[in-house]
Amino acid sequence: MTQVLYVYYRVEAADRADCVAAVRSAQAALMQRHPGLVAAVLSQVPGHTTLMETYAWSSAAPAVPPAWSALEAEVGARLGRWIVGTRHLELFEPCA
């Protein structure tokens, strides 16, 4: 994996389960359309109201990776009603 996109944001505790379900559904669709994409959703402990989506592209994938911004925008569009504040994006790559 060459780069990993991290997207984190807060949700209300009462909305957490619905938001996580929406993220998982969106990520499953993305991974099906983009073989080589590995996606996950994490929850910060303690508190459980900060969620983090992760997206990584396998260097062994046969296709060209999709644009990170397009992936984030597609998922973000499904989550607007649950987000408290803003979604934060960070792109990381392995240290040389």
PDB file of N, CA and C in Angstrom:
ATOM      1  N   MET A   1       0.848  -1.165   0.000  1.00  0.00           N
ATOM      2  CA  MET A   1       0.000   0.000   0.000  1.00  0.00           C
ATOM      3  C   MET A   1       0.898   1.233   0.000  1.00  0.00           C
ATOM      4  N   THR A   2       0.640   2.124  -0.919  1.00  0.00           N
ATOM      5  CA  THR A   2       1.525   3.257  -1.066  1.00  0.00           C
ATOM      6  C   THR A   2       1.039   4.513  -0.355  1.00  0.00           C
ATOM      7  N   GLN A   3      -0.247   4.770  -0.389  1.00  0.00           N
ATOM      8  CA  GLN A   3      -0.789   5.931   0.303  1.00  0.00           C
ATOM      9  C   GLN A   3      -2.052   5.511   1.045  1.00  0.00           C
ATOM     10  N   VAL A   4      -2.324   6.221   2.134  1.00  0.00           N
ATOM     11  CA  VAL A   4      -3.547   5.966   2.892  1.00  0.00           C
ATOM     12  C   VAL A   4      -4.217   7.301   3.152  1.00  0.00           C
ATOM     13  N   LEU A   5      -5.500   7.383   2.819  1.00  0.00           N
ATOM     14  CA  LEU A   5      -6.302   8.563   3.091  1.00  0.00           C
ATOM     15  C   LEU A   5      -7.067   8.326   4.376  1.00  0.00           C
ATOM     16  N   TYR A   6      -6.972   9.270   5.309  1.00  0.00           N
ATOM     17  CA  TYR A   6      -7.715   9.220   6.566  1.00  0.00           C
ATOM     18  C   TYR A   6      -8.715  10.365   6.560  1.00  0.00           C
ATOM     19  N   VAL A   7      -9.968  10.062   6.851  1.00  0.00           N
ATOM     20  CA  VAL A   7     -11.025  11.071   6.913  1.00  0.00           C
ATOM     21  C   VAL A   7     -11.688  10.923   8.279  1.00  0.00           C
ATOM     22  N   TYR A   8     -11.649  11.980   9.085  1.00  0.00           N
ATOM     23  CA  TYR A   8     -12.236  11.863  10.415  1.00  0.00           C
ATOM     24  C   TYR A   8     -13.184  13.012  10.688  1.00  0.00           C
ATOM     25  N   TYR A   9     -14.153  12.734  11.562  1.00  0.00           N
ATOM     26  CA  TYR A   9     -15.225  13.686  11.857  1.00  0.00           C
ATOM     27  C   TYR A   9     -15.999  13.210  13.071  1.00  0.00           C
ATOM     28  N   ARG A  10     -16.800  14.105  13.601  1.00  0.00           N
ATOM     29  CA  ARG A  10     -17.621  13.779  14.776  1.00  0.00           C
ATOM     30  C   ARG A  10     -19.069  13.571  14.357  1.00  0.00           C
ATOM     31  N   VAL A  11     -19.738  12.711  15.097  1.00  0.00           N
ATOM     32  CA  VAL A  11     -21.177  12.501  14.944  1.00  0.00           C
ATOM     33  C   VAL A  11     -21.792  12.472  16.340  1.00  0.00           C
ATOM     34  N   GLU A  12     -23.072  12.730  16.409  1.00  0.00           N
ATOM     35  CA  GLU A  12     -23.771  12.604  17.686  1.00  0.00           C
ATOM     36  C   GLU A  12     -23.816  11.129  18.066  1.00  0.00           C
ATOM     37  N   ALA A  13     -23.715  10.840  19.359  1.00  0.00           N
ATOM     38  CA  ALA A  13     -23.722   9.452  19.829  1.00  0.00           C
ATOM     39  C   ALA A  13     -24.964   8.708  19.343  1.00  0.00           C
ATOM     40  N   ALA A  14     -26.094   9.381  19.331  1.00  0.00           N
ATOM     41  CA  ALA A  14     -27.349   8.741  18.910  1.00  0.00           C
ATOM     42  C   ALA A  14     -27.347   8.398  17.415  1.00  0.00           C
ATOM     43  N   ASP A  15     -26.496   9.054  16.626  1.00  0.00           N
ATOM     44  CA  ASP A  15     -26.446   8.833  15.178  1.00  0.00           C
ATOM     45  C   ASP A  15     -25.335   7.889  14.752  1.00  0.00           C
ATOM     46  N   ARG A  16     -24.502   7.479  15.686  1.00  0.00           N
ATOM     47  CA  ARG A  16     -23.312   6.707  15.358  1.00  0.00           C
ATOM     48  C   ARG A  16     -23.623   5.453  14.542  1.00  0.00           C
ATOM     49  N   ALA A  17     -24.556   4.624  14.981  1.00  0.00           N
ATOM     50  CA  ALA A  17     -24.841   3.354  14.297  1.00  0.00           C
ATOM     51  C   ALA A  17     -25.331   3.586  12.870  1.00  0.00           C
ATOM     52  N   ASP A  18     -26.214   4.569  12.680  1.00  0.00           N
ATOM     53  CA  ASP A  18     -26.718   4.861  11.341  1.00  0.00           C
ATOM     54  C   ASP A  18     -25.609   5.372  10.438  1.00  0.00           C
ATOM     55  N   CYS A  19     -24.761   6.221  10.966  1.00  0.00           N
ATOM     56  CA  CYS A  19     -23.663   6.769  10.182  1.00  0.00           C
ATOM     57  C   CYS A  19     -22.671   5.668   9.796  1.00  0.00           C
ATOM     58  N   VAL A  20     -22.315   4.820  10.733  1.00  0.00           N
ATOM     59  CA  VAL A  20     -21.383   3.720  10.452  1.00  0.00           C
ATOM     60  C   VAL A  20     -21.971   2.805   9.374  1.00  0.00           C
ATOM     61  N   ALA A  21     -23.254   2.507   9.463  1.00  0.00           N
ATOM     62  CA  ALA A  21     -23.896   1.660   8.449  1.00  0.00           C
ATOM     63  C   ALA A  21     -23.820   2.314   7.068  1.00  0.00           C
ATOM     64  N   ALA A  22     -24.038   3.622   7.013  1.00  0.00           N
ATOM     65  CA  ALA A  22     -23.963   4.340   5.734  1.00  0.00           C
ATOM     66  C   ALA A  22     -22.549   4.334   5.183  1.00  0.00           C
ATOM     67  N   VAL A  23     -21.561   4.524   6.042  1.00  0.00           N
ATOM     68  CA  VAL A  23     -20.163   4.490   5.604  1.00  0.00           C
ATOM     69  C   VAL A  23     -19.822   3.110   5.062  1.00  0.00           C
ATOM     70  N   ARG A  24     -20.177   2.075   5.780  1.00  0.00           N
ATOM     71  CA  ARG A  24     -19.860   0.704   5.333  1.00  0.00           C
ATOM     72  C   ARG A  24     -20.514   0.397   3.989  1.00  0.00           C
ATOM     73  N   SER A  25     -21.739   0.831   3.806  1.00  0.00           N
ATOM     74  CA  SER A  25     -22.431   0.614   2.539  1.00  0.00           C
ATOM     75  C   SER A  25     -21.712   1.342   1.402  1.00  0.00           C
ATOM     76  N   ALA A  26     -21.364   2.594   1.637  1.00  0.00           N
ATOM     77  CA  ALA A  26     -20.667   3.377   0.614  1.00  0.00           C
ATOM     78  C   ALA A  26     -19.298   2.781   0.306  1.00  0.00           C
ATOM     79  N   GLN A  27     -18.577   2.367   1.341  1.00  0.00           N
ATOM     80  CA  GLN A  27     -17.250   1.793   1.131  1.00  0.00           C
ATOM     81  C   GLN A  27     -17.334   0.470   0.372  1.00  0.00           C
ATOM     82  N   ALA A  28     -18.336  -0.342   0.659  1.00  0.00           N
ATOM     83  CA  ALA A  28     -18.501  -1.612  -0.057  1.00  0.00           C
ATOM     84  C   ALA A  28     -18.718  -1.356  -1.549  1.00  0.00           C
ATOM     85  N   ALA A  29     -19.536  -0.361  -1.861  1.00  0.00           N
ATOM     86  CA  ALA A  29     -19.780  -0.027  -3.263  1.00  0.00           C
ATOM     87  C   ALA A  29     -18.501   0.467  -3.934  1.00  0.00           C
ATOM     88  N   LEU A  30     -17.735   1.297  -3.234  1.00  0.00           N
ATOM     89  CA  LEU A  30     -16.473   1.801  -3.794  1.00  0.00           C
ATOM     90  C   LEU A  30     -15.481   0.667  -4.043  1.00  0.00           C
ATOM     91  N   MET A  31     -15.355  -0.253  -3.082  1.00  0.00           N
ATOM     92  CA  MET A  31     -14.398  -1.346  -3.238  1.00  0.00           C
ATOM     93  C   MET A  31     -14.813  -2.279  -4.376  1.00  0.00           C
ATOM     94  N   GLN A  32     -16.110  -2.432  -4.590  1.00  0.00           N
ATOM     95  CA  GLN A  32     -16.571  -3.264  -5.693  1.00  0.00           C
ATOM     96  C   GLN A  32     -16.244  -2.606  -7.033  1.00  0.00           C
ATOM     97  N   ARG A  33     -16.402  -1.298  -7.120  1.00  0.00           N
ATOM     98  CA  ARG A  33     -16.122  -0.566  -8.360  1.00  0.00           C
ATOM     99  C   ARG A  33     -14.628  -0.372  -8.616  1.00  0.00           C
ATOM    100  N   HIS A  34     -13.826  -0.380  -7.546  1.00  0.00           N
ATOM    101  CA  HIS A  34     -12.384  -0.109  -7.672  1.00  0.00           C
ATOM    102  C   HIS A  34     -11.583  -1.258  -7.055  1.00  0.00           C
ATOM    103  N   PRO A  35     -11.395  -2.359  -7.793  1.00  0.00           N
ATOM    104  CA  PRO A  35     -10.590  -3.460  -7.257  1.00  0.00           C
ATOM    105  C   PRO A  35      -9.202  -2.958  -6.862  1.00  0.00           C
ATOM    106  N   GLY A  36      -8.790  -3.300  -5.668  1.00  0.00           N
ATOM    107  CA  GLY A  36      -7.508  -2.827  -5.145  1.00  0.00           C
ATOM    108  C   GLY A  36      -7.676  -1.799  -4.051  1.00  0.00           C
ATOM    109  N   LEU A  37      -8.885  -1.216  -3.941  1.00  0.00           N
ATOM    110  CA  LEU A  37      -9.163  -0.265  -2.874  1.00  0.00           C
ATOM    111  C   LEU A  37      -9.501  -1.038  -1.605  1.00  0.00           C
ATOM    112  N   VAL A  38      -8.888  -0.651  -0.505  1.00  0.00           N
ATOM    113  CA  VAL A  38      -9.160  -1.249   0.797  1.00  0.00           C
ATOM    114  C   VAL A  38      -9.686  -0.135   1.688  1.00  0.00           C
ATOM    115  N   ALA A  39     -10.904  -0.292   2.208  1.00  0.00           N
ATOM    116  CA  ALA A  39     -11.540   0.762   3.003  1.00  0.00           C
ATOM    117  C   ALA A  39     -12.014   0.197   4.334  1.00  0.00           C
ATOM    118  N   ALA A  40     -12.034   1.056   5.346  1.00  0.00           N
ATOM    119  CA  ALA A  40     -12.508   0.658   6.682  1.00  0.00           C
ATOM    120  C   ALA A  40     -13.064   1.887   7.379  1.00  0.00           C
ATOM    121  N   VAL A  41     -13.841   1.647   8.430  1.00  0.00           N
ATOM    122  CA  VAL A  41     -14.319   2.728   9.287  1.00  0.00           C
ATOM    123  C   VAL A  41     -13.949   2.355  10.719  1.00  0.00           C
ATOM    124  N   LEU A  42     -13.425   3.329  11.449  1.00  0.00           N
ATOM    125  CA  LEU A  42     -12.969   3.126  12.821  1.00  0.00           C
ATOM    126  C   LEU A  42     -13.681   4.106  13.738  1.00  0.00           C
ATOM    127  N   SER A  43     -13.701   3.770  15.029  1.00  0.00           N
ATOM    128  CA  SER A  43     -14.295   4.644  16.032  1.00  0.00           C
ATOM    129  C   SER A  43     -13.256   4.943  17.088  1.00  0.00           C
ATOM    130  N   GLN A  44     -13.182   6.210  17.481  1.00  0.00           N
ATOM    131  CA  GLN A  44     -12.233   6.606  18.520  1.00  0.00           C
ATOM    132  C   GLN A  44     -12.713   6.098  19.877  1.00  0.00           C
ATOM    133  N   VAL A  45     -11.783   5.639  20.667  1.00  0.00           N
ATOM    134  CA  VAL A  45     -12.096   5.155  22.009  1.00  0.00           C
ATOM    135  C   VAL A  45     -11.333   6.019  22.994  1.00  0.00           C
ATOM    136  N   PRO A  46     -11.883   6.492  24.077  1.00  0.00           N
ATOM    137  CA  PRO A  46     -13.298   6.420  24.437  1.00  0.00           C
ATOM    138  C   PRO A  46     -14.080   7.522  23.744  1.00  0.00           C
ATOM    139  N   GLY A  47     -15.338   7.513  23.936  1.00  0.00           N
ATOM    140  CA  GLY A  47     -16.191   8.546  23.372  1.00  0.00           C
ATOM    141  C   GLY A  47     -17.081   8.028  22.264  1.00  0.00           C
ATOM    142  N   HIS A  48     -16.511   7.329  21.338  1.00  0.00           N
ATOM    143  CA  HIS A  48     -17.262   6.710  20.250  1.00  0.00           C
ATOM    144  C   HIS A  48     -18.028   7.678  19.369  1.00  0.00           C
ATOM    145  N   THR A  49     -17.714   8.960  19.404  1.00  0.00           N
ATOM    146  CA  THR A  49     -18.403   9.886  18.517  1.00  0.00           C
ATOM    147  C   THR A  49     -17.483  10.460  17.445  1.00  0.00           C
ATOM    148  N   THR A  50     -16.210  10.119  17.480  1.00  0.00           N
ATOM    149  CA  THR A  50     -15.310  10.488  16.401  1.00  0.00           C
ATOM    150  C   THR A  50     -15.097   9.243  15.554  1.00  0.00           C
ATOM    151  N   LEU A  51     -15.439   9.344  14.277  1.00  0.00           N
ATOM    152  CA  LEU A  51     -15.266   8.232  13.349  1.00  0.00           C
ATOM    153  C   LEU A  51     -14.137   8.563  12.390  1.00  0.00           C
ATOM    154  N   MET A  52     -13.481   7.523  11.887  1.00  0.00           N
ATOM    155  CA  MET A  52     -12.430   7.699  10.901  1.00  0.00           C
ATOM    156  C   MET A  52     -12.624   6.678   9.796  1.00  0.00           C
ATOM    157  N   GLU A  53     -12.658   7.176   8.578  1.00  0.00           N
ATOM    158  CA  GLU A  53     -12.670   6.314   7.406  1.00  0.00           C
ATOM    159  C   GLU A  53     -11.232   6.198   6.925  1.00  0.00           C
ATOM    160  N   THR A  54     -10.845   5.025   6.466  1.00  0.00           N
ATOM    161  CA  THR A  54      -9.524   4.854   5.883  1.00  0.00           C
ATOM    162  C   THR A  54      -9.674   4.267   4.488  1.00  0.00           C
ATOM    163  N   TYR A  55      -8.825   4.737   3.581  1.00  0.00           N
ATOM    164  CA  TYR A  55      -8.814   4.267   2.207  1.00  0.00           C
ATOM    165  C   TYR A  55      -7.375   4.048   1.805  1.00  0.00           C
ATOM    166  N   ALA A  56      -7.060   2.858   1.344  1.00  0.00           N
ATOM    167  CA  ALA A  56      -5.707   2.545   0.900  1.00  0.00           C
ATOM    168  C   ALA A  56      -5.794   1.878  -0.462  1.00  0.00           C
ATOM    169  N   TRP A  57      -4.786   2.109  -1.264  1.00  0.00           N
ATOM    170  CA  TRP A  57      -4.739   1.517  -2.592  1.00  0.00           C
ATOM    171  C   TRP A  57      -3.618   0.508  -2.616  1.00  0.00           C
ATOM    172  N   SER A  58      -3.959  -0.720  -2.946  1.00  0.00           N
ATOM    173  CA  SER A  58      -2.968  -1.784  -3.015  1.00  0.00           C
ATOM    174  C   SER A  58      -2.048  -1.545  -4.216  1.00  0.00           C
ATOM    175  N   SER A  59      -0.761  -1.576  -3.978  1.00  0.00           N
ATOM    176  CA  SER A  59       0.195  -1.387  -5.067  1.00  0.00           C
ATOM    177  C   SER A  59       0.156  -2.556  -6.045  1.00  0.00           C
ATOM    178  N   ALA A  60      -0.457  -3.674  -5.658  1.00  0.00           N
ATOM    179  CA  ALA A  60      -0.572  -4.834  -6.529  1.00  0.00           C
ATOM    180  C   ALA A  60      -1.836  -4.787  -7.389  1.00  0.00           C
ATOM    181  N   ALA A  61      -2.658  -3.776  -7.211  1.00  0.00           N
ATOM    182  CA  ALA A  61      -3.907  -3.665  -7.962  1.00  0.00           C
ATOM    183  C   ALA A  61      -3.616  -3.458  -9.443  1.00  0.00           C
ATOM    184  N   PRO A  62      -4.429  -4.069 -10.306  1.00  0.00           N
ATOM    185  CA  PRO A  62      -4.172  -3.966 -11.744  1.00  0.00           C
ATOM    186  C   PRO A  62      -4.569  -2.623 -12.354  1.00  0.00           C
ATOM    187  N   ALA A  63      -5.385  -1.855 -11.682  1.00  0.00           N
ATOM    188  CA  ALA A  63      -5.900  -0.608 -12.255  1.00  0.00           C
ATOM    189  C   ALA A  63      -5.233   0.609 -11.634  1.00  0.00           C
ATOM    190  N   VAL A  64      -5.481   1.744 -12.234  1.00  0.00           N
ATOM    191  CA  VAL A  64      -4.999   3.016 -11.709  1.00  0.00           C
ATOM    192  C   VAL A  64      -5.909   3.425 -10.556  1.00  0.00           C
ATOM    193  N   PRO A  65      -5.358   3.907  -9.450  1.00  0.00           N
ATOM    194  CA  PRO A  65      -6.217   4.270  -8.312  1.00  0.00           C
ATOM    195  C   PRO A  65      -7.130   5.442  -8.651  1.00  0.00           C
ATOM    196  N   PRO A  66      -8.323   5.443  -8.077  1.00  0.00           N
ATOM    197  CA  PRO A  66      -9.215   6.587  -8.273  1.00  0.00           C
ATOM    198  C   PRO A  66      -8.686   7.803  -7.514  1.00  0.00           C
ATOM    199  N   ALA A  67      -9.176   8.968  -7.863  1.00  0.00           N
ATOM    200  CA  ALA A  67      -8.765  10.189  -7.173  1.00  0.00           C
ATOM    201  C   ALA A  67      -9.286  10.161  -5.752  1.00  0.00           C
ATOM    202  N   TRP A  68      -8.415  10.446  -4.784  1.00  0.00           N
ATOM    203  CA  TRP A  68      -8.821  10.431  -3.382  1.00  0.00           C
ATOM    204  C   TRP A  68      -9.984  11.389  -3.137  1.00  0.00           C
ATOM    205  N   SER A  69      -9.919  12.568  -3.726  1.00  0.00           N
ATOM    206  CA  SER A  69     -10.969  13.564  -3.490  1.00  0.00           C
ATOM    207  C   SER A  69     -12.321  13.075  -3.989  1.00  0.00           C
ATOM    208  N   ALA A  70     -12.334  12.331  -5.087  1.00  0.00           N
ATOM    209  CA  ALA A  70     -13.595  11.797  -5.608  1.00  0.00           C
ATOM    210  C   ALA A  70     -14.173  10.745  -4.669  1.00  0.00           C
ATOM    211  N   LEU A  71     -13.318   9.901  -4.113  1.00  0.00           N
ATOM    212  CA  LEU A  71     -13.783   8.895  -3.160  1.00  0.00           C
ATOM    213  C   LEU A  71     -14.379   9.558  -1.929  1.00  0.00           C
ATOM    214  N   GLU A  72     -13.660  10.515  -1.384  1.00  0.00           N
ATOM    215  CA  GLU A  72     -14.112  11.187  -0.170  1.00  0.00           C
ATOM    216  C   GLU A  72     -15.416  11.928  -0.416  1.00  0.00           C
ATOM    217  N   ALA A  73     -15.527  12.593  -1.534  1.00  0.00           N
ATOM    218  CA  ALA A  73     -16.740  13.355  -1.840  1.00  0.00           C
ATOM    219  C   ALA A  73     -17.950  12.447  -1.985  1.00  0.00           C
ATOM    220  N   GLU A  74     -17.754  11.282  -2.588  1.00  0.00           N
ATOM    221  CA  GLU A  74     -18.867  10.352  -2.770  1.00  0.00           C
ATOM    222  C   GLU A  74     -19.399   9.857  -1.436  1.00  0.00           C
ATOM    223  N   VAL A  75     -18.510   9.492  -0.542  1.00  0.00           N
ATOM    224  CA  VAL A  75     -18.950   9.028   0.774  1.00  0.00           C
ATOM    225  C   VAL A  75     -19.497  10.200   1.587  1.00  0.00           C
ATOM    226  N   GLY A  76     -18.799  11.315   1.585  1.00  0.00           N
ATOM    227  CA  GLY A  76     -19.227  12.486   2.341  1.00  0.00           C
ATOM    228  C   GLY A  76     -20.620  12.945   1.976  1.00  0.00           C
ATOM    229  N   ALA A  77     -20.993  12.815   0.704  1.00  0.00           N
ATOM    230  CA  ALA A  77     -22.324  13.232   0.265  1.00  0.00           C
ATOM    231  C   ALA A  77     -23.422  12.417   0.936  1.00  0.00           C
ATOM    232  N   ARG A  78     -23.121  11.180   1.301  1.00  0.00           N
ATOM    233  CA  ARG A  78     -24.109  10.319   1.964  1.00  0.00           C
ATOM    234  C   ARG A  78     -24.230  10.589   3.461  1.00  0.00           C
ATOM    235  N   LEU A  79     -23.269  11.316   4.043  1.00  0.00           N
ATOM    236  CA  LEU A  79     -23.192  11.442   5.498  1.00  0.00           C
ATOM    237  C   LEU A  79     -23.559  12.812   6.030  1.00  0.00           C
ATOM    238  N   GLY A  80     -23.846  13.760   5.176  1.00  0.00           N
ATOM    239  CA  GLY A  80     -24.044  15.139   5.584  1.00  0.00           C
ATOM    240  C   GLY A  80     -24.960  15.349   6.769  1.00  0.00           C
ATOM    241  N   ARG A  81     -26.032  14.598   6.854  1.00  0.00           N
ATOM    242  CA  ARG A  81     -26.992  14.822   7.943  1.00  0.00           C
ATOM    243  C   ARG A  81     -26.469  14.395   9.303  1.00  0.00           C
ATOM    244  N   TRP A  82     -25.405  13.578   9.335  1.00  0.00           N
ATOM    245  CA  TRP A  82     -24.879  13.103  10.618  1.00  0.00           C
ATOM    246  C   TRP A  82     -23.632  13.839  11.086  1.00  0.00           C
ATOM    247  N   ILE A  83     -22.952  14.528  10.207  1.00  0.00           N
ATOM    248  CA  ILE A  83     -21.667  15.139  10.539  1.00  0.00           C
ATOM    249  C   ILE A  83     -21.853  16.351  11.445  1.00  0.00           C
ATOM    250  N   VAL A  84     -21.083  16.378  12.530  1.00  0.00           N
ATOM    251  CA  VAL A  84     -21.051  17.525  13.438  1.00  0.00           C
ATOM    252  C   VAL A  84     -19.744  18.254  13.151  1.00  0.00           C
ATOM    253  N   GLY A  85     -19.816  19.458  12.616  1.00  0.00           N
ATOM    254  CA  GLY A  85     -18.601  20.178  12.240  1.00  0.00           C
ATOM    255  C   GLY A  85     -18.212  19.848  10.820  1.00  0.00           C
ATOM    256  N   THR A  86     -16.925  19.567  10.605  1.00  0.00           N
ATOM    257  CA  THR A  86     -16.431  19.294   9.256  1.00  0.00           C
ATOM    258  C   THR A  86     -15.723  17.954   9.204  1.00  0.00           C
ATOM    259  N   ARG A  87     -15.593  17.433   7.992  1.00  0.00           N
ATOM    260  CA  ARG A  87     -14.797  16.224   7.751  1.00  0.00           C
ATOM    261  C   ARG A  87     -13.370  16.687   7.489  1.00  0.00           C
ATOM    262  N   HIS A  88     -12.413  16.027   8.106  1.00  0.00           N
ATOM    263  CA  HIS A  88     -11.004  16.371   7.952  1.00  0.00           C
ATOM    264  C   HIS A  88     -10.314  15.267   7.159  1.00  0.00           C
ATOM    265  N   LEU A  89      -9.529  15.648   6.170  1.00  0.00           N
ATOM    266  CA  LEU A  89      -8.820  14.687   5.328  1.00  0.00           C
ATOM    267  C   LEU A  89      -7.327  14.804   5.541  1.00  0.00           C
ATOM    268  N   GLU A  90      -6.679  13.667   5.658  1.00  0.00           N
ATOM    269  CA  GLU A  90      -5.215  13.604   5.779  1.00  0.00           C
ATOM    270  C   GLU A  90      -4.724  12.479   4.902  1.00  0.00           C
ATOM    271  N   LEU A  91      -3.718  12.735   4.078  1.00  0.00           N
ATOM    272  CA  LEU A  91      -3.133  11.723   3.207  1.00  0.00           C
ATOM    273  C   LEU A  91      -1.735  11.404   3.708  1.00  0.00           C
ATOM    274  N   PHE A  92      -1.479  10.119   3.955  1.00  0.00           N
ATOM    275  CA  PHE A  92      -0.189   9.684   4.453  1.00  0.00           C
ATOM    276  C   PHE A  92       0.406   8.654   3.493  1.00  0.00           C
ATOM    277  N   GLU A  93       1.743   8.568   3.506  1.00  0.00           N
ATOM    278  CA  GLU A  93       2.438   7.535   2.758  1.00  0.00           C
ATOM    279  C   GLU A  93       3.566   7.007   3.632  1.00  0.00           C
ATOM    280  N   PRO A  94       4.056   5.792   3.329  1.00  0.00           N
ATOM    281  CA  PRO A  94       5.115   5.215   4.154  1.00  0.00           C
ATOM    282  C   PRO A  94       6.373   6.082   4.147  1.00  0.00           C
ATOM    283  N   CYS A  95       7.081   6.073   5.248  1.00  0.00           N
ATOM    284  CA  CYS A  95       8.354   6.777   5.322  1.00  0.00           C
ATOM    285  C   CYS A  95       9.393   6.016   4.531  1.00  0.00           C
ATOM    286  N   ALA A  96      10.275   6.742   3.897  1.00  0.00           N
ATOM    287  CA  ALA A  96      11.328   6.106   3.087  1.00  0.00           C
ATOM    288  C   ALA A  96      12.382   5.509   3.988  1.00  0.00           C
TER     289      ALA A  96
END
